[in-house]
Protein backbone atom coordinates (compact mmCIF):
# COMPACT_ATOMS: atom_id res chain seq x y z
CA UNK A 1 0.67 5.73 -8.49
CA UNK A 2 2.91 7.98 -6.50
CA UNK A 3 2.76 8.20 -2.70
CA UNK A 4 0.65 9.71 -0.80
CA UNK A 5 -2.00 6.96 -0.95
CA UNK A 6 -5.15 8.31 0.20
CA UNK A 7 -8.87 7.84 0.50
CA UNK A 8 -10.21 6.81 -3.10
CA UNK A 9 -6.93 5.74 -4.51
CA UNK A 10 -7.30 2.19 -6.15
CA UNK A 11 -5.51 -0.19 -8.45
CA UNK A 12 -2.91 -2.91 -8.53
CA UNK A 13 -0.57 -0.25 -6.62
CA UNK A 14 -3.02 -0.11 -3.80
CA UNK A 15 -3.57 -4.04 -3.86
CA UNK A 16 0.04 -4.59 -3.42
CA UNK A 17 0.19 -2.04 -0.78
CA UNK A 18 -2.65 -3.46 1.16
CA UNK A 19 -0.90 -7.04 0.56
CA UNK A 20 2.18 -5.81 2.34
CA UNK A 21 0.30 -4.00 5.09
CA UNK A 22 -1.04 -7.57 5.94
CA UNK A 23 2.36 -8.85 6.47
CA UNK A 24 3.64 -6.06 8.11
CA UNK A 25 0.82 -5.24 10.46
CA UNK A 26 -1.85 -7.97 10.43
CA UNK A 27 -3.13 -7.26 13.92
CA UNK A 28 -4.84 -4.22 12.21
CA UNK A 29 -4.36 -4.22 8.36
CA UNK A 30 -7.25 -3.24 6.09
CA UNK A 31 -8.93 -5.72 4.15
CA UNK A 32 -7.20 -6.49 0.67
CA UNK A 33 -9.36 -5.52 -1.96
CA UNK A 34 -7.39 -2.67 -4.24
CA UNK A 35 -9.32 0.25 -2.56
CA UNK A 36 -8.21 2.63 -0.30
CA UNK A 37 -11.22 3.21 1.87
CA UNK A 38 -12.43 4.30 5.33
CA UNK A 39 -10.77 0.85 6.52
CA UNK A 40 -7.44 1.96 5.34
CA UNK A 41 -7.63 5.31 6.79
CA UNK A 42 -8.18 3.79 10.28
CA UNK A 43 -5.23 1.46 9.79
CA UNK A 44 -2.93 4.06 8.47
CA UNK A 45 -3.83 6.35 11.45
CA UNK A 46 -3.31 3.37 13.74
CA UNK A 47 0.36 2.94 11.89
CA UNK A 48 1.05 6.58 12.40
CA UNK A 49 -0.22 6.75 15.87
CA UNK A 50 2.22 3.77 16.65
CA UNK A 51 5.08 5.46 15.00
CA UNK A 52 4.76 8.70 16.92
CA UNK A 53 3.26 10.49 14.31
CA UNK A 54 0.12 12.31 13.83
CA UNK A 55 -2.88 11.27 11.70
CA UNK A 56 -2.90 11.55 7.96
CA UNK A 57 -2.38 9.45 4.48
CA UNK A 58 0.28 6.98 3.98
CA UNK A 59 2.89 9.44 2.57
CA UNK A 60 6.52 9.36 1.98
CA UNK A 61 7.29 9.78 5.59
CA UNK A 62 5.62 6.84 6.63
CA UNK A 63 6.89 4.96 3.81
CA UNK A 64 10.28 5.65 4.93
CA UNK A 65 9.85 4.93 8.58
CA UNK A 66 8.60 1.68 7.68
CA UNK A 67 10.86 0.87 4.86
CA UNK A 68 8.06 0.38 2.31
CA UNK A 69 9.02 0.31 -1.59
CA UNK A 70 6.48 -0.51 -4.21
CA UNK A 71 8.14 -3.10 -6.49
CA UNK A 72 5.69 -3.95 -9.57
CA UNK A 73 5.28 -7.27 -10.61
CA UNK A 74 7.58 -8.22 -13.26
CA UNK A 75 5.96 -9.35 -16.48
CA UNK A 76 8.10 -11.85 -18.68
CA UNK A 77 8.51 -10.44 -21.99
CA UNK A 78 6.28 -11.95 -24.81
CA UNK A 79 8.35 -13.74 -27.23
CA UNK A 80 7.05 -13.41 -30.96
CA UNK A 81 6.18 -16.93 -32.47
CA UNK A 82 6.32 -17.39 -36.22
CA UNK A 83 4.42 -19.89 -37.86
């Protein structure tokens, strides 16, 4: 899912982003549930305010300012087994 993350976004990438957010800004991080809802809107607007940016979504400009980079989990390849 490309940026911006916004109200209604959901899935594994949002879940990973929420976990990152909790490490980056624990004091105002939203809950970790894989859904970008009203709590995320409030938290992102607080982050943007602290960065001197106007309210809005978690977009590429914010990601760049906080050095956020989504890295999908590595999944080990399946090794075929022969019986």
